[in-house]
N, C-alpha and C. Protein backbone atom coordinates (compact mmCIF):
# COMPACT_ATOMS: atom_id res chain seq x y z
N UNK A 1 43.45 -8.71 6.40
CA UNK A 1 43.20 -8.32 7.23
C UNK A 1 43.47 -7.10 6.20
N UNK A 2 44.89 -6.85 5.72
CA UNK A 2 45.94 -6.18 5.40
C UNK A 2 45.36 -5.87 3.61
N UNK A 3 45.40 -6.86 3.94
CA UNK A 3 44.37 -7.21 1.89
C UNK A 3 42.61 -5.67 1.97
N UNK A 4 42.33 -6.17 2.36
CA UNK A 4 41.14 -5.86 2.83
C UNK A 4 41.20 -4.54 3.11
N UNK A 5 42.41 -3.74 4.02
CA UNK A 5 42.69 -2.57 4.50
C UNK A 5 43.24 -1.59 3.02
N UNK A 6 44.06 -2.51 2.13
CA UNK A 6 44.29 -1.76 1.25
C UNK A 6 42.87 -1.45 0.00
N UNK A 7 42.73 -2.39 -0.30
CA UNK A 7 41.46 -2.11 -1.19
C UNK A 7 40.47 -1.28 -0.39
N UNK A 8 40.26 -1.11 0.55
CA UNK A 8 39.46 -0.19 0.92
C UNK A 8 40.23 1.36 1.32
N UNK A 9 41.12 1.09 0.77
CA UNK A 9 41.82 2.85 1.02
C UNK A 9 42.19 3.20 -0.94
N UNK A 10 42.17 2.18 -1.61
CA UNK A 10 42.14 2.13 -3.48
C UNK A 10 40.84 2.45 -3.55
N UNK A 11 39.82 1.79 -3.29
CA UNK A 11 38.10 2.40 -3.20
C UNK A 11 38.19 3.87 -2.92
N UNK A 12 38.25 4.21 -1.84
CA UNK A 12 37.71 5.36 -1.16
C UNK A 12 39.20 6.52 -1.78
N UNK A 13 39.74 6.86 -3.03
CA UNK A 13 40.94 7.22 -3.03
C UNK A 13 40.20 7.15 -4.80
N UNK A 14 40.00 6.85 -5.79
CA UNK A 14 39.34 6.46 -6.55
C UNK A 14 37.49 7.40 -6.20
N UNK A 15 37.22 7.30 -5.26
CA UNK A 15 35.62 7.69 -4.93
C UNK A 15 35.77 8.69 -5.35
N UNK A 16 36.99 9.25 -4.32
CA UNK A 16 37.22 11.02 -4.18
C UNK A 16 37.77 11.76 -5.80
N UNK A 17 38.52 11.04 -6.73
CA UNK A 17 38.80 10.83 -8.09
C UNK A 17 37.60 11.41 -8.51
N UNK A 18 36.62 10.22 -9.11
CA UNK A 18 35.67 10.51 -9.43
C UNK A 18 34.34 11.36 -8.80
N UNK A 19 34.07 11.55 -7.85
CA UNK A 19 33.87 12.92 -6.40
C UNK A 19 33.82 14.42 -7.14
N UNK A 20 35.20 14.54 -7.47
CA UNK A 20 35.79 15.80 -8.09
C UNK A 20 35.58 15.79 -9.43
N UNK A 21 35.28 14.65 -10.00
CA UNK A 21 35.13 15.16 -10.75
C UNK A 21 34.32 15.01 -11.53
N UNK A 22 32.96 14.52 -11.20
CA UNK A 22 31.77 14.63 -10.77
C UNK A 22 31.31 16.47 -10.79
N UNK A 23 31.56 16.88 -10.09
CA UNK A 23 31.31 18.22 -9.20
C UNK A 23 31.88 19.66 -10.25
N UNK A 24 32.58 18.63 -11.11
CA UNK A 24 33.07 20.35 -12.46
C UNK A 24 32.26 20.53 -13.58
N UNK A 25 31.53 19.48 -12.99
CA UNK A 25 29.87 19.81 -14.30
C UNK A 25 28.71 20.91 -13.66
N UNK A 26 28.87 20.95 -12.90
CA UNK A 26 27.84 21.84 -11.83
C UNK A 26 26.90 23.41 -13.00
N UNK A 27 25.96 23.08 -12.33
CA UNK A 27 25.47 23.57 -13.25
C UNK A 27 25.64 25.19 -13.30
N UNK A 28 25.97 25.84 -11.80
CA UNK A 28 26.63 27.12 -11.91
C UNK A 28 28.44 27.24 -11.43
N UNK A 29 28.83 28.55 -11.29
CA UNK A 29 29.78 28.86 -10.75
C UNK A 29 30.01 29.24 -9.71
N UNK A 30 30.97 29.30 -8.54
CA UNK A 30 30.54 29.91 -6.83
C UNK A 30 31.81 31.13 -8.09
N UNK A 31 31.29 32.22 -7.52
CA UNK A 31 31.62 33.23 -8.00
C UNK A 31 31.86 34.39 -6.89
N UNK A 32 32.94 34.82 -6.57
CA UNK A 32 32.90 35.07 -5.06
C UNK A 32 32.82 36.81 -5.09
N UNK A 33 31.85 37.17 -3.77
CA UNK A 33 31.70 38.60 -4.11
C UNK A 33 33.26 39.40 -3.59
N UNK A 34 34.70 38.85 -2.95
CA UNK A 34 35.04 39.94 -2.52
C UNK A 34 36.34 40.71 -3.41
N UNK A 35 36.65 41.85 -3.45
CA UNK A 35 36.86 42.59 -4.81
C UNK A 35 38.16 43.01 -4.11
N UNK A 36 38.71 43.72 -5.00
CA UNK A 36 39.85 44.76 -4.39
C UNK A 36 40.02 45.46 -4.48
N UNK A 37 40.66 46.76 -3.93
CA UNK A 37 39.81 48.61 -3.70
C UNK A 37 40.08 48.78 -5.64
N UNK A 38 41.12 47.67 -5.80
CA UNK A 38 40.77 48.49 -7.18
C UNK A 38 39.68 48.45 -8.23
N UNK A 39 38.93 47.39 -8.00
CA UNK A 39 37.85 46.74 -8.77
C UNK A 39 36.41 47.68 -7.74
N UNK A 40 36.44 47.55 -6.64
CA UNK A 40 35.57 48.89 -6.45
C UNK A 40 35.10 50.00 -6.61
N UNK A 41 34.11 50.74 -6.44
CA UNK A 41 33.69 52.51 -7.06
C UNK A 41 33.49 52.74 -5.97
N UNK A 42 34.86 53.53 -5.32
CA UNK A 42 35.21 54.25 -3.87
C UNK A 42 34.38 55.38 -4.49
N UNK A 43 34.25 56.34 -3.79
CA UNK A 43 33.45 57.72 -3.92
C UNK A 43 34.76 58.74 -3.46
N UNK A 44 34.86 59.60 -4.31
CA UNK A 44 36.48 60.47 -4.24
C UNK A 44 35.48 61.70 -3.46
N UNK A 45 36.25 62.21 -2.11
CA UNK A 45 35.84 62.98 -1.24
C UNK A 45 36.66 64.78 -1.00
N UNK A 46 36.60 65.46 -2.19
CA UNK A 46 37.21 66.52 -2.05
C UNK A 46 37.18 66.95 -1.18
N UNK A 47 38.23 66.69 -0.23
CA UNK A 47 38.49 67.94 0.96
C UNK A 47 37.89 69.67 0.53
N UNK A 48 38.07 69.97 -0.17
CA UNK A 48 37.96 71.90 0.04
C UNK A 48 36.10 71.61 -0.48
N UNK A 49 35.92 70.91 -0.66
CA UNK A 49 33.97 71.43 -0.92
C UNK A 49 33.56 70.45 -0.52
N UNK A 50 33.94 69.02 0.56
CA UNK A 50 32.92 68.04 0.89
C UNK A 50 31.95 68.95 2.05
N UNK A 51 30.70 68.62 2.45
CA UNK A 51 29.44 68.28 2.83
C UNK A 51 30.20 68.10 4.54
N UNK A 52 29.83 68.17 6.44
CA UNK A 52 30.31 67.56 7.07
C UNK A 52 30.07 66.30 6.80
N UNK A 53 28.89 65.75 6.35
CA UNK A 53 28.13 63.77 6.06
C UNK A 53 29.26 63.46 5.04
N UNK A 54 29.60 64.43 3.84
CA UNK A 54 30.54 63.25 3.33
C UNK A 54 31.77 63.19 3.39
N UNK A 55 32.73 64.11 4.17
CA UNK A 55 34.12 64.41 5.82
C UNK A 55 33.82 62.86 6.53
N UNK A 56 32.11 62.81 7.03
CA UNK A 56 32.04 61.74 8.20
C UNK A 56 31.82 60.21 7.34
N UNK A 57 32.17 60.45 6.21
CA UNK A 57 32.21 59.06 5.55
C UNK A 57 33.30 58.70 5.50
N UNK A 58 34.85 59.03 5.93
CA UNK A 58 35.89 58.60 5.67
C UNK A 58 36.10 58.10 6.75
N UNK A 59 36.79 56.91 6.93
CA UNK A 59 37.11 56.29 8.46
C UNK A 59 37.87 56.29 8.87
N UNK A 60 37.35 57.34 10.57
CA UNK A 60 37.88 57.29 11.44
C UNK A 60 37.43 59.17 11.74
N UNK A 61 36.42 59.48 10.61
CA UNK A 61 36.14 61.42 10.77
C UNK A 61 34.67 60.99 11.78
N UNK A 62 34.15 61.78 12.86
CA UNK A 62 33.34 61.74 13.46
C UNK A 62 32.79 63.15 13.21
N UNK A 63 31.58 63.71 14.27
CA UNK A 63 31.55 64.59 13.85
C UNK A 63 32.07 65.99 14.06
N UNK A 64 33.08 65.92 15.07
CA UNK A 64 33.87 66.87 15.93
C UNK A 64 35.13 67.16 14.70
N UNK A 65 35.61 65.98 14.13
CA UNK A 65 37.01 65.95 13.27
C UNK A 65 36.30 67.05 12.11
N UNK A 66 35.00 66.28 11.83
CA UNK A 66 34.62 66.77 10.18
C UNK A 66 34.77 68.44 10.23
N UNK A 67 34.43 68.94 10.98
CA UNK A 67 33.28 70.57 11.32
C UNK A 67 35.19 71.22 11.89
N UNK A 68 36.58 70.36 12.38
CA UNK A 68 37.57 71.14 12.80
C UNK A 68 37.91 71.08 11.03
N UNK A 69 37.67 69.64 10.62
CA UNK A 69 38.56 69.96 8.82
C UNK A 69 37.45 71.33 8.05
N UNK A 70 36.46 71.66 8.17
CA UNK A 70 35.39 72.49 7.27
C UNK A 70 36.37 73.67 7.99
N UNK A 71 36.14 74.00 9.42
CA UNK A 71 36.61 75.33 9.73
C UNK A 71 38.09 75.63 9.96
N UNK A 72 39.56 74.38 9.52
CA UNK A 72 40.75 75.13 8.69
C UNK A 72 40.90 75.09 7.81
N UNK A 73 39.92 74.62 6.71
CA UNK A 73 39.18 74.61 5.11
C UNK A 73 38.95 76.14 4.84
N UNK A 74 38.32 76.29 5.82
CA UNK A 74 37.56 78.46 5.60
C UNK A 74 38.31 79.34 6.14
N UNK A 75 39.64 79.16 6.53
CA UNK A 75 40.12 79.77 7.45
C UNK A 75 41.62 80.08 7.15
N UNK A 76 42.14 79.29 5.96
CA UNK A 76 43.01 79.07 5.65
C UNK A 76 43.16 78.69 3.47
N UNK A 77 41.70 79.23 3.44
CA UNK A 77 41.77 79.09 2.14
C UNK A 77 41.68 77.65 1.69
N UNK A 78 40.92 76.85 1.67
CA UNK A 78 41.27 74.99 1.24
C UNK A 78 43.21 74.73 1.83
N UNK A 79 42.44 73.29 1.54
CA UNK A 79 43.75 72.96 1.49
C UNK A 79 45.16 72.56 0.22
N UNK A 80 45.30 72.46 0.29
CA UNK A 80 46.57 72.72 -0.72
C UNK A 80 47.48 71.83 -1.52
N UNK A 81 47.57 70.33 -0.61
CA UNK A 81 47.93 69.11 0.25
C UNK A 81 47.20 68.35 1.00
N UNK A 82 47.25 66.91 0.96
CA UNK A 82 46.89 66.50 2.24
C UNK A 82 47.60 66.78 3.02
N UNK A 83 49.16 66.97 3.14
CA UNK A 83 49.61 67.34 4.29
C UNK A 83 49.73 68.37 5.13
N UNK A 84 48.77 69.17 4.51
CA UNK A 84 47.76 70.13 5.36
C UNK A 84 46.61 69.63 5.98
N UNK A 85 46.56 68.19 5.43
CA UNK A 85 45.34 67.70 6.45
C UNK A 85 45.79 67.28 7.62
N UNK A 86 46.56 66.71 8.27
CA UNK A 86 47.34 66.34 8.86
C UNK A 86 47.46 67.54 9.64
N UNK A 87 47.91 68.20 9.43
CA UNK A 87 48.06 68.88 10.62
C UNK A 87 46.98 69.75 11.62
N UNK A 88 45.10 69.38 11.02
CA UNK A 88 44.08 69.32 11.82
C UNK A 88 44.48 68.75 12.40
N UNK A 89 43.90 69.51 13.37
CA UNK A 89 43.76 69.42 14.81
C UNK A 89 42.43 67.88 15.09
N UNK A 90 43.02 66.35 15.94
CA UNK A 90 42.36 65.47 15.95
C UNK A 90 42.80 64.40 14.77
N UNK A 91 43.19 64.86 13.81
CA UNK A 91 43.23 64.10 12.26
C UNK A 91 44.48 63.03 12.31
N UNK A 92 46.13 64.36 11.29
CA UNK A 92 47.18 63.15 12.21
C UNK A 92 47.19 63.36 10.70
N UNK A 93 48.56 62.61 10.75
CA UNK A 93 49.04 61.82 9.47
C UNK A 93 48.38 60.53 9.38
N UNK A 94 48.18 59.67 10.31
CA UNK A 94 46.90 58.27 10.36
C UNK A 94 46.41 57.96 9.41
N UNK A 95 45.34 59.50 9.78
CA UNK A 95 43.67 58.77 9.44
C UNK A 95 44.07 59.36 7.69
N UNK A 96 45.36 60.02 7.44
CA UNK A 96 44.93 61.06 5.84
C UNK A 96 45.24 59.76 5.56
N UNK A 97 46.61 58.83 5.90
CA UNK A 97 47.31 57.86 4.83
C UNK A 97 45.98 56.69 4.81
N UNK A 98 45.39 56.57 5.69
CA UNK A 98 43.85 55.10 5.63
C UNK A 98 43.11 56.14 4.51
N UNK A 99 42.98 57.02 4.45
CA UNK A 99 42.05 57.26 3.50
C UNK A 99 42.28 58.36 2.40
N UNK A 100 43.72 58.03 1.63
CA UNK A 100 44.21 59.01 1.30
C UNK A 100 43.77 58.88 -0.27
N UNK A 101 43.18 57.08 -0.34
CA UNK A 101 42.84 56.28 -1.88
C UNK A 101 40.81 56.97 -2.52
N UNK A 102 41.02 57.24 -0.57
CA UNK A 102 39.09 58.26 -1.10
C UNK A 102 39.22 59.84 -1.19
N UNK A 103 40.37 60.24 -0.85
CA UNK A 103 40.27 62.09 -1.18
C UNK A 103 41.29 62.81 -2.35
N UNK A 104 40.60 63.97 -2.35
CA UNK A 104 40.93 64.54 -3.88
C UNK A 104 40.92 66.25 -2.79
N UNK A 105 42.28 67.14 -3.64
CA UNK A 105 41.79 67.97 -3.84
C UNK A 105 41.33 68.75 -4.36
């Protein structure tokens, strides 16, 4: 009985090796669709000239926050830094940090 189990285990072990070797000649190679942020084409949004609809493409920015950004921009002759964006009502430092990779001045 032990001998039969041992032989069966050896057969299973080698059959896995043969199967793995036969799959290496597959006619196609799996390509991951996952891309790191550096590889993705990200549309930069200039906060000094962006339209309302562009601002709403930012993470966490709804219509009301987009209007607040535009009002601040118009009453203060634009933004000089991203830190100023954090002072806009409803925005805060966390939203600026999350969207920094997509923002430009």
